[in-house]
Amino acid sequence: QVQLVESGGGLVQAGGSLRLSCAASGRTFSTYAMAWFRQAPGKEREFVAAVSWTGMTGSNTYYQDSVTGRFTISRDNAKNTVYLQMNSLKPEDTAVYYCAARQWSTAPAMSVPDRNEYWGQGTQVTVSS
């Protein structure tokens, strides 16, 4: 069982930045691919970014088109934590952000939410115009 706890959300003006963190329990964090999703009021949960499990050659990342160039996902296996650095934020980025985990997955495969094994409780991000 893996427990995920998100933090770092808040209120920011358009054009600003936030860094979200997702801390995971367990001793096999490096074997889990991690992803960020978001859900705005009245909308379905949507994929944001993912990082694969850490293999011999490292990890790969994958992004939704609308955040490419603005958001960066990274992981620190020593801290059992995945991050989402969000720059140039827009009002349409306002949502509850969730992290998800699935063992041995590739980054693109994480974009399908129904296949992810574990989810956090979410953290609210609000971008004012």
Protein backbone atom coordinates (compact mmCIF):
# COMPACT_ATOMS: atom_id res chain seq x y z
CA GLN A 1 0.00 0.00 0.00
CA VAL A 2 1.29 3.45 -0.96
CA GLN A 3 0.00 6.64 0.64
CA LEU A 4 0.35 9.91 -1.23
CA VAL A 5 0.15 13.35 0.36
CA GLU A 6 0.12 16.49 -1.77
CA SER A 7 1.14 19.95 -0.61
CA GLY A 8 2.10 23.33 -1.99
CA GLY A 9 -1.18 24.53 -3.41
CA GLY A 10 -2.48 28.03 -2.85
CA LEU A 11 -3.63 31.28 -4.40
CA VAL A 12 -1.40 32.97 -6.97
CA GLN A 13 -1.81 35.72 -9.54
CA ALA A 14 -1.72 34.97 -13.23
CA GLY A 15 1.86 34.76 -14.44
CA GLY A 16 3.08 33.53 -11.07
CA SER A 17 4.59 30.23 -9.99
CA LEU A 18 3.89 27.44 -7.54
CA ARG A 19 5.64 24.18 -6.73
CA LEU A 20 3.53 21.23 -5.71
CA SER A 21 4.95 18.30 -3.80
CA CYS A 22 3.66 14.77 -3.39
CA ALA A 23 5.24 12.68 -0.65
CA ALA A 24 4.89 8.91 -0.88
CA SER A 25 5.14 6.25 1.79
CA GLY A 26 7.01 2.99 1.31
CA ARG A 27 10.51 1.83 0.47
CA THR A 28 10.12 1.13 -3.24
CA PHE A 29 9.32 4.63 -4.49
CA SER A 30 11.76 4.41 -7.39
CA THR A 31 9.73 1.54 -8.88
CA TYR A 32 6.61 3.68 -9.16
CA ALA A 33 5.73 5.99 -12.02
CA MET A 34 4.15 9.18 -10.71
CA ALA A 35 1.72 11.60 -12.29
CA TRP A 36 -0.17 14.78 -11.66
CA PHE A 37 -3.81 15.22 -12.61
CA ARG A 38 -6.18 18.11 -12.04
CA GLN A 39 -9.90 18.60 -11.78
CA ALA A 40 -11.67 21.91 -12.14
CA PRO A 41 -15.24 22.43 -10.91
CA GLY A 42 -17.73 20.79 -13.23
CA LYS A 43 -15.04 19.16 -15.33
CA GLU A 44 -13.54 15.70 -15.56
CA ARG A 45 -10.18 14.89 -14.06
CA GLU A 46 -7.46 15.52 -16.64
CA PHE A 47 -3.87 14.45 -16.99
CA VAL A 48 -1.16 17.07 -16.45
CA ALA A 49 2.27 15.43 -16.31
CA ALA A 50 4.00 12.15 -15.50
CA VAL A 51 7.43 10.73 -14.75
CA SER A 52 8.28 7.06 -15.26
CA TRP A 53 9.77 4.72 -12.68
CA THR A 54 13.52 5.06 -12.35
CA GLY A 55 15.37 2.49 -14.42
CA MET A 56 19.04 2.01 -15.18
CA THR A 57 18.99 4.99 -17.56
CA GLY A 58 16.90 7.24 -15.34
CA SER A 59 13.31 8.45 -15.79
CA ASN A 60 11.26 9.86 -18.65
CA THR A 61 8.63 12.56 -18.54
CA TYR A 62 5.40 13.19 -20.43
CA TYR A 63 3.17 16.29 -20.48
CA GLN A 64 -0.24 17.43 -21.55
CA ASP A 65 0.18 19.85 -24.46
CA SER A 66 -1.34 22.82 -22.63
CA VAL A 67 1.32 22.75 -19.89
CA THR A 68 4.38 21.88 -21.98
CA GLY A 69 7.00 24.56 -21.50
CA ARG A 70 5.30 25.94 -18.38
CA PHE A 71 5.21 22.97 -16.00
CA THR A 72 8.04 20.63 -15.03
CA ILE A 73 7.66 17.32 -13.23
CA SER A 74 10.59 15.86 -11.32
CA ARG A 75 11.23 13.24 -8.69
CA ASP A 76 13.63 12.84 -5.78
CA ASN A 77 13.81 9.15 -4.92
CA ALA A 78 15.89 9.82 -1.80
CA LYS A 79 12.98 11.85 -0.43
CA ASN A 80 10.16 9.71 -1.85
CA THR A 81 8.76 12.87 -3.41
CA VAL A 82 7.57 14.02 -6.80
CA TYR A 83 7.29 17.71 -7.66
CA LEU A 84 5.36 19.81 -10.13
CA GLN A 85 6.93 23.19 -10.81
CA MET A 86 4.29 25.40 -12.37
CA ASN A 87 5.35 28.66 -14.02
CA SER A 88 3.44 31.25 -16.05
CA LEU A 89 0.22 30.18 -14.40
CA LYS A 90 -3.09 31.03 -16.04
CA PRO A 91 -6.60 31.27 -14.57
CA GLU A 92 -7.50 28.12 -16.50
CA ASP A 93 -4.93 26.22 -14.43
CA THR A 94 -7.22 26.64 -11.42
CA ALA A 95 -8.15 23.18 -10.14
CA VAL A 96 -7.59 20.62 -7.45
CA TYR A 97 -4.32 18.87 -8.27
CA TYR A 98 -3.89 15.19 -7.47
CA CYS A 99 -0.89 12.94 -7.64
CA ALA A 100 -1.11 9.31 -8.67
CA ALA A 101 1.20 6.30 -8.64
CA ARG A 102 1.49 3.01 -10.51
CA GLN A 103 4.32 0.55 -10.23
CA TRP A 104 6.57 -0.18 -13.22
CA SER A 105 4.67 2.16 -15.53
CA THR A 106 5.90 4.32 -18.37
CA ALA A 107 5.18 8.01 -18.27
CA PRO A 108 2.68 8.08 -21.18
CA ALA A 109 0.74 5.16 -19.70
CA MET A 110 0.12 7.21 -16.57
CA SER A 111 -2.13 9.54 -18.54
CA VAL A 112 -4.97 7.00 -18.30
CA PRO A 113 -6.40 7.66 -14.84
CA ASP A 114 -8.33 4.41 -14.44
CA ARG A 115 -5.10 2.40 -14.54
CA ASN A 116 -3.39 4.24 -11.70
CA GLU A 117 -3.17 2.36 -8.45
CA TYR A 118 -2.90 5.04 -5.81
CA TRP A 119 -4.16 8.59 -5.45
CA GLY A 120 -3.61 11.45 -3.05
CA GLN A 121 -6.29 13.66 -1.54
CA GLY A 122 -5.49 16.67 -3.69
CA THR A 123 -4.33 20.23 -3.18
CA GLN A 124 -6.17 23.33 -4.39
CA VAL A 125 -4.50 25.69 -6.86
CA THR A 126 -6.26 28.97 -7.59
CA VAL A 127 -4.93 31.40 -10.18
CA SER A 128 -6.47 34.87 -10.13
CA SER A 129 -6.63 37.08 -13.19
